Amino acid sequence: MVCDLTPGIVGMWQPDIATLRMMLGFAGLLSLLVTLGLWRVERGAEGTGGWLLASILGLTACLLPPAVFWRQPDLGIVANTSLTLASMVLILEGALAFRGIGTPVRRRLPLLMMVLTIVALMLASAGRPWVRIVLHDGLAALLLWASAGVLAWNAVKGQRAVSGVLALSFMGLGLLYVWRGSGLLVRGMDLGGADTRIPHWLLGASLVWLLVWTAGMPLLLLLRGRERETLLIDRDGLTGLLNRAAFLRDSAAKLTQGQGAGILLLSLDGLRTMNESLGHDAGDRMLRAFADRLCARGSVEDALTGRLTGAQFAILLPGMQDRSGLMQATERLRLSLTSPLPVGDIMQPAGYSVGTALYPEDGRTVATLLEAAERSMFKVKAAHAL
């Protein structure tokens, strides 16, 4: 007697729709609890609000009774699909907020229009499951792919691995939606007026995606928190430029690359007079305006800009091979600083002194280069005093 174990093995690896839906509901509840915790712990940090609303809508869609228990089953399907797609819109909104793309005010109207459009399309396709599924799967794929692109876009080094995994999961689920929708579009099968069937593989893929997303959210927020802590340590609290320690460290790392480099040392004039005449708040605004002007100069790619002391700034220009190039960079900087600095209601002339030094001719360490640049700056000041 030969026993065929294939049906049993297949059954073990292919749970029924009810089991998958129950597992998806538990995963949705877990996602909601995790997102709610993140939202409270992070005090409403960028992205968490949209993701919390997405979790609420997604769990609501999972817990909606099957369409056969509705007095008008098609309306149950419209509610379910609208909630599912609206949750994907909110995930995209959260991703945009997390990456700092746009402002909440500018995103609000497009977000509302997208949700209203989804509801209108689902209502228009009520009673026509063939059209509804194709529309649903196409919109779901577009929203998932858009979220994948936003999460992967401009991710910092520490976030790239997690962002990449999340983006791949979004892309994969979007491809599966396209596979089902395009297959239905090609076959053109009639599913009946109130069909709610969904393939095992799509439910299983949605479950895996939701678990990956639930695990990835806290990791992204944790990595961003560490990145911000590092920035706070390395940045000057007033201007946002590198502080002295970070500038020396990063500049030393640039010099070890073995390429030429130049240093510009700048001393802002008139700060003491500004503090004494208009107060330290005006002096702080003057420093911030000057720092913003330095950052916007656009002189050399990969340049490092730091604030060394109260009114002293330094710029490291990698790739400088000779003094003529360094002088050209200095001239470009001079032209960018010709217009007065906005300090409250007044415009303050941007008076400053600058000294230059070239690596390795003037020194092989950042400290010796800064000393050489300071001597150069004092020579310029002495020449102007004559």
Protein backbone atom coordinates (compact mmCIF):
# COMPACT_ATOMS: atom_id res chain seq x y z
CA MET A 1 0.00 0.00 0.00
CA VAL A 2 1.40 3.38 -1.01
CA CYS A 3 0.45 6.47 0.92
CA ASP A 4 0.47 9.78 -0.90
CA LEU A 5 1.67 12.43 1.59
CA THR A 6 1.66 15.30 -0.91
CA PRO A 7 -1.75 16.72 0.07
CA GLY A 8 -0.76 16.73 3.73
CA ILE A 9 2.57 18.42 3.04
CA VAL A 10 0.96 21.02 0.79
CA GLY A 11 -1.70 21.63 3.41
CA MET A 12 0.94 22.25 6.04
CA TRP A 13 2.60 24.91 3.90
CA GLN A 14 -0.60 26.48 2.59
CA PRO A 15 -2.86 27.56 5.48
CA ASP A 16 -6.45 28.37 4.61
CA ILE A 17 -7.70 31.88 3.96
CA ALA A 18 -9.28 32.18 7.43
CA THR A 19 -6.00 31.33 9.16
CA LEU A 20 -4.04 33.78 7.02
CA ARG A 21 -6.59 36.53 7.66
CA MET A 22 -6.40 35.88 11.40
CA MET A 23 -2.59 36.00 11.29
CA LEU A 24 -2.76 39.21 9.28
CA GLY A 25 -5.13 40.69 11.88
CA PHE A 26 -2.74 39.82 14.72
CA ALA A 27 0.15 41.32 12.73
CA GLY A 28 -1.93 44.45 12.17
CA LEU A 29 -2.63 44.71 15.90
CA LEU A 30 1.08 44.28 16.65
CA SER A 31 1.91 46.97 14.09
CA LEU A 32 -0.60 49.33 15.70
CA LEU A 33 0.83 48.77 19.19
CA VAL A 34 4.41 49.27 17.98
CA THR A 35 3.51 52.40 16.03
CA LEU A 36 1.53 53.83 18.94
CA GLY A 37 4.50 53.24 21.24
CA LEU A 38 6.87 54.91 18.79
CA TRP A 39 4.52 57.86 18.38
CA ARG A 40 4.37 58.40 22.13
CA VAL A 41 8.06 57.79 22.84
CA GLU A 42 9.24 59.92 19.92
CA ARG A 43 6.75 62.66 20.88
CA GLY A 44 5.15 62.88 17.47
CA ALA A 45 8.41 62.78 15.48
CA GLU A 46 8.24 63.24 11.72
CA GLY A 47 6.53 60.27 10.08
CA THR A 48 5.09 58.63 13.19
CA GLY A 49 1.74 60.42 12.97
CA GLY A 50 1.05 59.24 9.42
CA TRP A 51 2.23 55.72 10.22
CA LEU A 52 -0.01 55.56 13.30
CA LEU A 53 -3.07 56.53 11.27
CA ALA A 54 -2.06 54.01 8.60
CA SER A 55 -1.89 51.26 11.24
CA ILE A 56 -5.35 52.17 12.54
CA LEU A 57 -6.90 52.10 9.06
CA GLY A 58 -5.07 48.90 8.10
CA LEU A 59 -6.23 47.08 11.25
CA THR A 60 -9.78 48.33 10.71
CA ALA A 61 -9.72 46.90 7.19
CA CYS A 62 -8.51 43.53 8.57
CA LEU A 63 -11.24 43.42 11.21
CA LEU A 64 -14.13 44.39 8.94
CA PRO A 65 -16.66 41.55 8.72
CA PRO A 66 -16.65 39.60 5.45
CA ALA A 67 -18.75 41.16 2.72
CA VAL A 68 -21.35 38.38 2.87
CA PHE A 69 -22.55 39.68 6.27
CA TRP A 70 -23.22 43.16 4.93
CA ARG A 71 -26.72 44.11 3.83
CA GLN A 72 -25.10 45.49 0.69
CA PRO A 73 -21.95 43.37 0.21
CA ASP A 74 -20.47 45.68 -2.41
CA LEU A 75 -20.34 48.53 0.11
CA GLY A 76 -18.40 46.29 2.48
CA ILE A 77 -15.86 45.64 -0.25
CA VAL A 78 -15.66 49.37 -1.04
CA ALA A 79 -15.02 50.14 2.65
CA ASN A 80 -12.37 47.43 2.92
CA THR A 81 -10.45 48.37 -0.22
CA SER A 82 -10.72 52.10 0.49
CA LEU A 83 -9.32 51.63 3.99
CA THR A 84 -6.48 49.46 2.70
CA LEU A 85 -5.46 51.97 0.03
CA ALA A 86 -5.89 54.93 2.39
CA SER A 87 -3.50 53.25 4.84
CA MET A 88 -0.95 52.96 2.01
CA VAL A 89 -1.39 56.67 1.27
CA LEU A 90 -0.67 57.45 4.93
CA ILE A 91 2.40 55.22 4.91
CA LEU A 92 3.64 57.27 1.94
CA GLU A 93 2.82 60.49 3.81
CA GLY A 94 4.76 59.24 6.83
CA ALA A 95 7.73 58.35 4.64
CA LEU A 96 7.69 61.83 3.07
CA ALA A 97 7.59 63.43 6.52
CA PHE A 98 10.36 61.12 7.77
CA ARG A 99 12.63 62.12 4.88
CA GLY A 100 11.67 65.80 5.21
CA ILE A 101 10.27 66.04 1.67
CA GLY A 102 7.89 68.98 1.45
CA THR A 103 6.00 70.52 4.37
CA PRO A 104 2.87 69.24 6.17
CA VAL A 105 0.82 72.13 4.80
CA ARG A 106 1.85 71.44 1.20
CA ARG A 107 1.30 67.69 1.55
CA ARG A 108 -2.13 68.00 3.17
CA LEU A 109 -4.18 68.86 0.06
CA PRO A 110 -2.61 66.22 -2.24
CA LEU A 111 -3.07 63.66 0.55
CA LEU A 112 -6.76 64.50 0.91
CA MET A 113 -7.27 64.47 -2.88
CA MET A 114 -5.63 61.04 -3.14
CA VAL A 115 -7.90 59.56 -0.45
CA LEU A 116 -11.04 61.08 -1.98
CA THR A 117 -10.02 59.82 -5.42
CA ILE A 118 -9.53 56.31 -4.05
CA VAL A 119 -12.96 56.27 -2.39
CA ALA A 120 -14.58 57.61 -5.59
CA LEU A 121 -12.90 54.94 -7.73
CA MET A 122 -13.87 52.15 -5.35
CA LEU A 123 -17.49 53.38 -5.28
CA ALA A 124 -17.56 53.66 -9.07
CA SER A 125 -16.35 50.08 -9.40
CA ALA A 126 -18.83 48.65 -6.87
CA GLY A 127 -20.58 45.60 -8.35
CA ARG A 128 -17.83 45.17 -10.94
CA PRO A 129 -15.16 43.12 -9.15
CA TRP A 130 -13.03 42.75 -12.28
CA VAL A 131 -12.64 46.53 -12.54
CA ARG A 132 -12.31 46.96 -8.77
CA ILE A 133 -9.47 44.48 -8.37
CA VAL A 134 -7.52 45.88 -11.32
CA LEU A 135 -7.91 49.43 -9.97
CA HIS A 136 -7.07 48.39 -6.42
CA ASP A 137 -3.97 46.44 -7.41
CA GLY A 138 -2.70 49.15 -9.72
CA LEU A 139 -3.13 51.89 -7.11
CA ALA A 140 -1.63 49.70 -4.38
CA ALA A 141 1.44 49.00 -6.51
CA LEU A 142 1.95 52.70 -7.28
CA LEU A 143 1.64 53.69 -3.62
CA LEU A 144 3.96 50.92 -2.44
CA TRP A 145 6.57 51.76 -5.08
CA ALA A 146 6.36 55.47 -4.22
CA SER A 147 6.93 54.65 -0.54
CA ALA A 148 9.87 52.42 -1.48
CA GLY A 149 11.45 55.23 -3.48
CA VAL A 150 10.99 57.76 -0.67
CA LEU A 151 12.43 55.43 1.98
CA ALA A 152 15.48 54.64 -0.14
CA TRP A 153 15.97 58.21 -1.37
CA ASN A 154 18.93 60.06 0.13
CA ALA A 155 19.23 57.62 3.04
CA VAL A 156 22.27 58.36 5.17
CA LYS A 157 24.96 55.73 5.50
CA GLY A 158 23.71 54.36 8.81
CA GLN A 159 20.16 53.92 7.49
CA ARG A 160 20.88 52.45 4.08
CA ALA A 161 20.68 48.77 5.05
CA VAL A 162 17.34 49.09 6.87
CA SER A 163 15.93 51.48 4.24
CA GLY A 164 17.04 49.09 1.49
CA VAL A 165 15.34 46.08 3.08
CA LEU A 166 12.13 48.04 3.61
CA ALA A 167 12.22 49.39 0.06
CA LEU A 168 12.68 45.87 -1.32
CA SER A 169 9.72 44.60 0.70
CA PHE A 170 7.55 47.44 -0.61
CA MET A 171 8.73 46.83 -4.17
CA GLY A 172 8.12 43.09 -3.87
CA LEU A 173 4.56 43.44 -2.58
CA GLY A 174 3.86 46.00 -5.29
CA LEU A 175 5.07 43.57 -7.95
CA LEU A 176 2.76 40.86 -6.58
CA TYR A 177 -0.20 43.25 -6.79
CA VAL A 178 0.74 43.99 -10.40
CA TRP A 179 1.03 40.25 -11.06
CA ARG A 180 -2.49 39.60 -9.79
CA GLY A 181 -4.03 42.66 -11.41
CA SER A 182 -2.37 42.15 -14.78
CA GLY A 183 -3.23 38.44 -14.73
CA LEU A 184 -6.86 39.26 -14.10
CA LEU A 185 -6.73 41.94 -16.79
CA VAL A 186 -5.41 39.42 -19.32
CA ARG A 187 -7.79 36.60 -18.40
CA GLY A 188 -10.79 38.83 -17.89
CA MET A 189 -12.56 36.32 -15.64
CA ASP A 190 -15.95 37.06 -14.10
CA LEU A 191 -15.68 36.92 -10.31
CA GLY A 192 -19.29 37.59 -9.45
CA GLY A 193 -20.95 40.55 -7.80
CA ALA A 194 -19.60 40.26 -4.22
CA ASP A 195 -16.39 38.24 -4.50
CA THR A 196 -13.86 38.73 -1.74
CA ARG A 197 -11.39 36.00 -2.60
CA ILE A 198 -7.71 36.75 -2.39
CA PRO A 199 -4.93 34.29 -3.26
CA HIS A 200 -3.03 32.52 -0.50
CA TRP A 201 0.26 33.82 -1.82
CA LEU A 202 -0.88 37.45 -1.77
CA LEU A 203 -2.17 37.17 1.79
CA GLY A 204 1.07 35.47 2.83
CA ALA A 205 3.16 38.15 1.12
CA SER A 206 1.11 40.88 2.80
CA LEU A 207 1.73 39.22 6.17
CA VAL A 208 5.50 39.07 5.57
CA TRP A 209 5.55 42.68 4.37
CA LEU A 210 3.62 43.87 7.43
CA LEU A 211 6.00 42.08 9.79
CA VAL A 212 9.05 43.51 8.00
CA TRP A 213 7.52 46.98 8.10
CA THR A 214 6.64 46.66 11.80
CA ALA A 215 10.23 45.64 12.60
CA GLY A 216 11.76 48.27 10.29
CA MET A 217 9.96 51.34 11.69
CA PRO A 218 11.63 51.29 15.13
CA LEU A 219 15.00 50.60 13.53
CA LEU A 220 14.67 53.60 11.24
CA LEU A 221 13.68 55.87 14.12
CA LEU A 222 16.48 54.51 16.31
CA LEU A 223 19.07 55.11 13.60
CA ARG A 224 17.76 58.60 12.96
CA GLY A 225 17.91 59.35 16.70
CA ARG A 226 21.55 58.26 16.82
CA GLU A 227 22.30 60.36 13.76
CA ARG A 228 20.78 63.42 15.40
CA GLU A 229 22.74 62.80 18.59
CA THR A 230 25.92 62.64 16.53
CA LEU A 231 24.99 65.89 14.80
CA LEU A 232 24.37 67.59 18.14
CA ILE A 233 27.79 66.49 19.34
CA ASP A 234 29.58 67.56 16.15
CA ARG A 235 27.70 70.78 15.38
CA ASP A 236 28.02 74.28 16.71
CA GLY A 237 24.80 75.06 18.56
CA LEU A 238 24.45 78.59 17.15
CA THR A 239 25.38 78.29 13.47
CA GLY A 240 24.91 74.59 12.74
CA LEU A 241 28.43 74.38 11.30
CA LEU A 242 30.99 71.84 12.45
CA ASN A 243 32.42 72.73 15.82
CA ARG A 244 36.16 72.97 16.34
CA ALA A 245 36.69 69.36 17.42
CA ALA A 246 34.61 67.94 14.56
CA PHE A 247 36.28 70.22 12.01
CA LEU A 248 39.76 69.17 13.12
CA ARG A 249 38.80 65.49 13.08
CA ASP A 250 37.07 65.51 9.68
CA SER A 251 39.75 67.72 8.13
CA ALA A 252 42.47 65.35 9.33
CA ALA A 253 40.57 62.47 7.71
CA LYS A 254 40.45 64.42 4.42
CA LEU A 255 44.19 65.07 4.53
CA THR A 256 44.96 61.37 4.92
CA GLN A 257 43.51 60.78 1.45
CA GLY A 258 46.78 62.10 0.02
CA GLN A 259 45.28 64.79 -2.20
CA GLY A 260 46.05 68.48 -2.14
CA ALA A 261 43.94 70.75 0.03
CA GLY A 262 43.63 74.36 0.98
CA ILE A 263 42.39 76.08 4.14
CA LEU A 264 40.67 79.45 4.42
CA LEU A 265 40.63 81.02 7.87
CA LEU A 266 38.08 83.83 8.28
CA SER A 267 37.58 86.28 11.10
CA LEU A 268 34.28 88.18 11.12
CA ASP A 269 34.77 91.88 11.83
CA GLY A 270 32.39 94.05 13.84
CA LEU A 271 30.98 91.32 16.10
CA ARG A 272 32.07 93.02 19.32
CA THR A 273 30.63 96.34 18.16
CA MET A 274 27.36 94.62 17.27
CA ASN A 275 27.16 92.95 20.69
CA GLU A 276 27.87 96.20 22.53
CA SER A 277 25.51 98.39 20.49
CA LEU A 278 22.53 96.11 19.78
CA GLY A 279 23.02 93.25 22.21
CA HIS A 280 24.18 89.67 21.98
CA ASP A 281 21.00 88.54 20.20
CA ALA A 282 21.91 90.79 17.27
CA GLY A 283 25.46 89.43 17.38
CA ASP A 284 24.13 85.87 17.25
CA ARG A 285 21.95 86.73 14.24
CA MET A 286 24.98 88.23 12.55
CA LEU A 287 26.99 85.05 13.13
CA ARG A 288 24.17 82.86 11.79
CA ALA A 289 23.79 85.02 8.69
CA PHE A 290 27.53 84.88 8.06
CA ALA A 291 27.56 81.08 8.51
CA ASP A 292 24.64 80.70 6.10
CA ARG A 293 26.51 82.77 3.54
CA LEU A 294 29.59 80.56 3.91
CA CYS A 295 27.53 77.40 3.39
CA ALA A 296 25.87 78.84 0.29
CA ARG A 297 29.07 79.91 -1.40
CA GLY A 298 29.22 76.82 -3.66
CA SER A 299 32.98 77.04 -4.12
CA VAL A 300 34.29 73.47 -3.93
CA GLU A 301 32.53 70.14 -3.65
CA ASP A 302 33.06 68.21 -0.37
CA ALA A 303 34.31 71.35 1.40
CA LEU A 304 34.19 71.37 5.20
CA THR A 305 33.07 74.49 7.02
CA GLY A 306 33.43 74.97 10.77
CA ARG A 307 33.24 77.57 13.49
CA LEU A 308 36.46 77.48 15.50
CA THR A 309 35.91 80.26 18.04
CA GLY A 310 33.46 83.10 18.59
CA ALA A 311 34.02 85.00 15.32
CA GLN A 312 36.52 82.70 13.61
CA PHE A 313 35.55 80.27 10.86
CA ALA A 314 37.54 77.83 8.74
CA ILE A 315 36.91 76.16 5.40
CA LEU A 316 38.82 73.12 4.15
CA LEU A 317 38.87 72.88 0.35
CA PRO A 318 39.87 69.36 -0.80
CA GLY A 319 41.57 68.91 -4.14
CA MET A 320 43.49 72.20 -4.16
CA GLN A 321 46.78 71.55 -5.97
CA ASP A 322 48.29 75.05 -6.21
CA ARG A 323 47.97 78.57 -4.84
CA SER A 324 46.29 79.91 -7.95
CA GLY A 325 43.34 77.58 -7.36
CA LEU A 326 43.26 78.60 -3.72
CA MET A 327 43.26 82.29 -4.68
CA GLN A 328 40.40 81.68 -7.13
CA ALA A 329 38.38 80.02 -4.36
CA THR A 330 39.12 82.96 -2.09
CA GLU A 331 37.92 85.38 -4.74
CA ARG A 332 34.68 83.42 -5.23
CA LEU A 333 34.15 83.57 -1.49
CA ARG A 334 34.79 87.33 -1.48
CA LEU A 335 32.18 87.86 -4.20
CA SER A 336 29.59 85.84 -2.27
CA LEU A 337 30.17 87.99 0.82
CA THR A 338 29.99 91.41 -0.84
CA SER A 339 26.31 92.02 -0.07
CA PRO A 340 25.41 93.05 3.51
CA LEU A 341 24.22 90.48 6.05
CA PRO A 342 20.58 90.65 7.21
CA VAL A 343 20.60 91.20 10.97
CA GLY A 344 17.02 91.70 12.10
CA ASP A 345 15.73 94.93 10.54
CA ILE A 346 19.15 96.19 9.49
CA MET A 347 21.70 95.17 6.87
CA GLN A 348 25.20 94.81 8.28
CA PRO A 349 28.23 94.96 5.95
CA ALA A 350 30.04 91.62 5.94
CA GLY A 351 33.47 92.79 6.99
CA TYR A 352 35.98 90.00 7.50
CA SER A 353 39.64 89.08 7.25
CA VAL A 354 40.86 85.92 5.53
CA GLY A 355 44.08 83.96 5.60
CA THR A 356 45.03 80.99 3.42
CA ALA A 357 47.25 77.93 3.66
CA LEU A 358 48.04 75.12 1.21
CA TYR A 359 48.63 71.46 2.02
CA PRO A 360 51.31 70.13 2.10
CA GLU A 361 53.50 73.17 1.38
CA ASP A 362 52.39 75.12 4.47
CA GLY A 363 51.94 72.15 6.78
CA ARG A 364 51.05 68.48 6.94
CA THR A 365 48.58 68.63 9.81
CA VAL A 366 45.38 70.62 10.28
CA ALA A 367 46.87 72.44 13.26
CA THR A 368 49.95 73.64 11.36
CA LEU A 369 47.80 74.64 8.38
CA LEU A 370 45.55 76.73 10.63
CA GLU A 371 48.61 78.37 12.17
CA ALA A 372 49.92 79.19 8.70
CA ALA A 373 46.52 80.56 7.67
CA GLU A 374 46.40 82.70 10.82
CA ARG A 375 49.83 84.18 10.05
CA SER A 376 48.63 84.90 6.53
CA MET A 377 45.52 86.61 7.93
CA PHE A 378 47.58 88.80 10.28
CA LYS A 379 49.77 89.85 7.35
CA VAL A 380 46.65 90.90 5.43
CA LYS A 381 45.38 92.88 8.42
CA ALA A 382 48.76 94.56 8.87
CA ALA A 383 48.85 95.51 5.19
CA HIS A 384 45.35 97.06 5.42
CA ALA A 385 46.36 98.98 8.54
CA LEU A 386 49.17 100.77 6.71
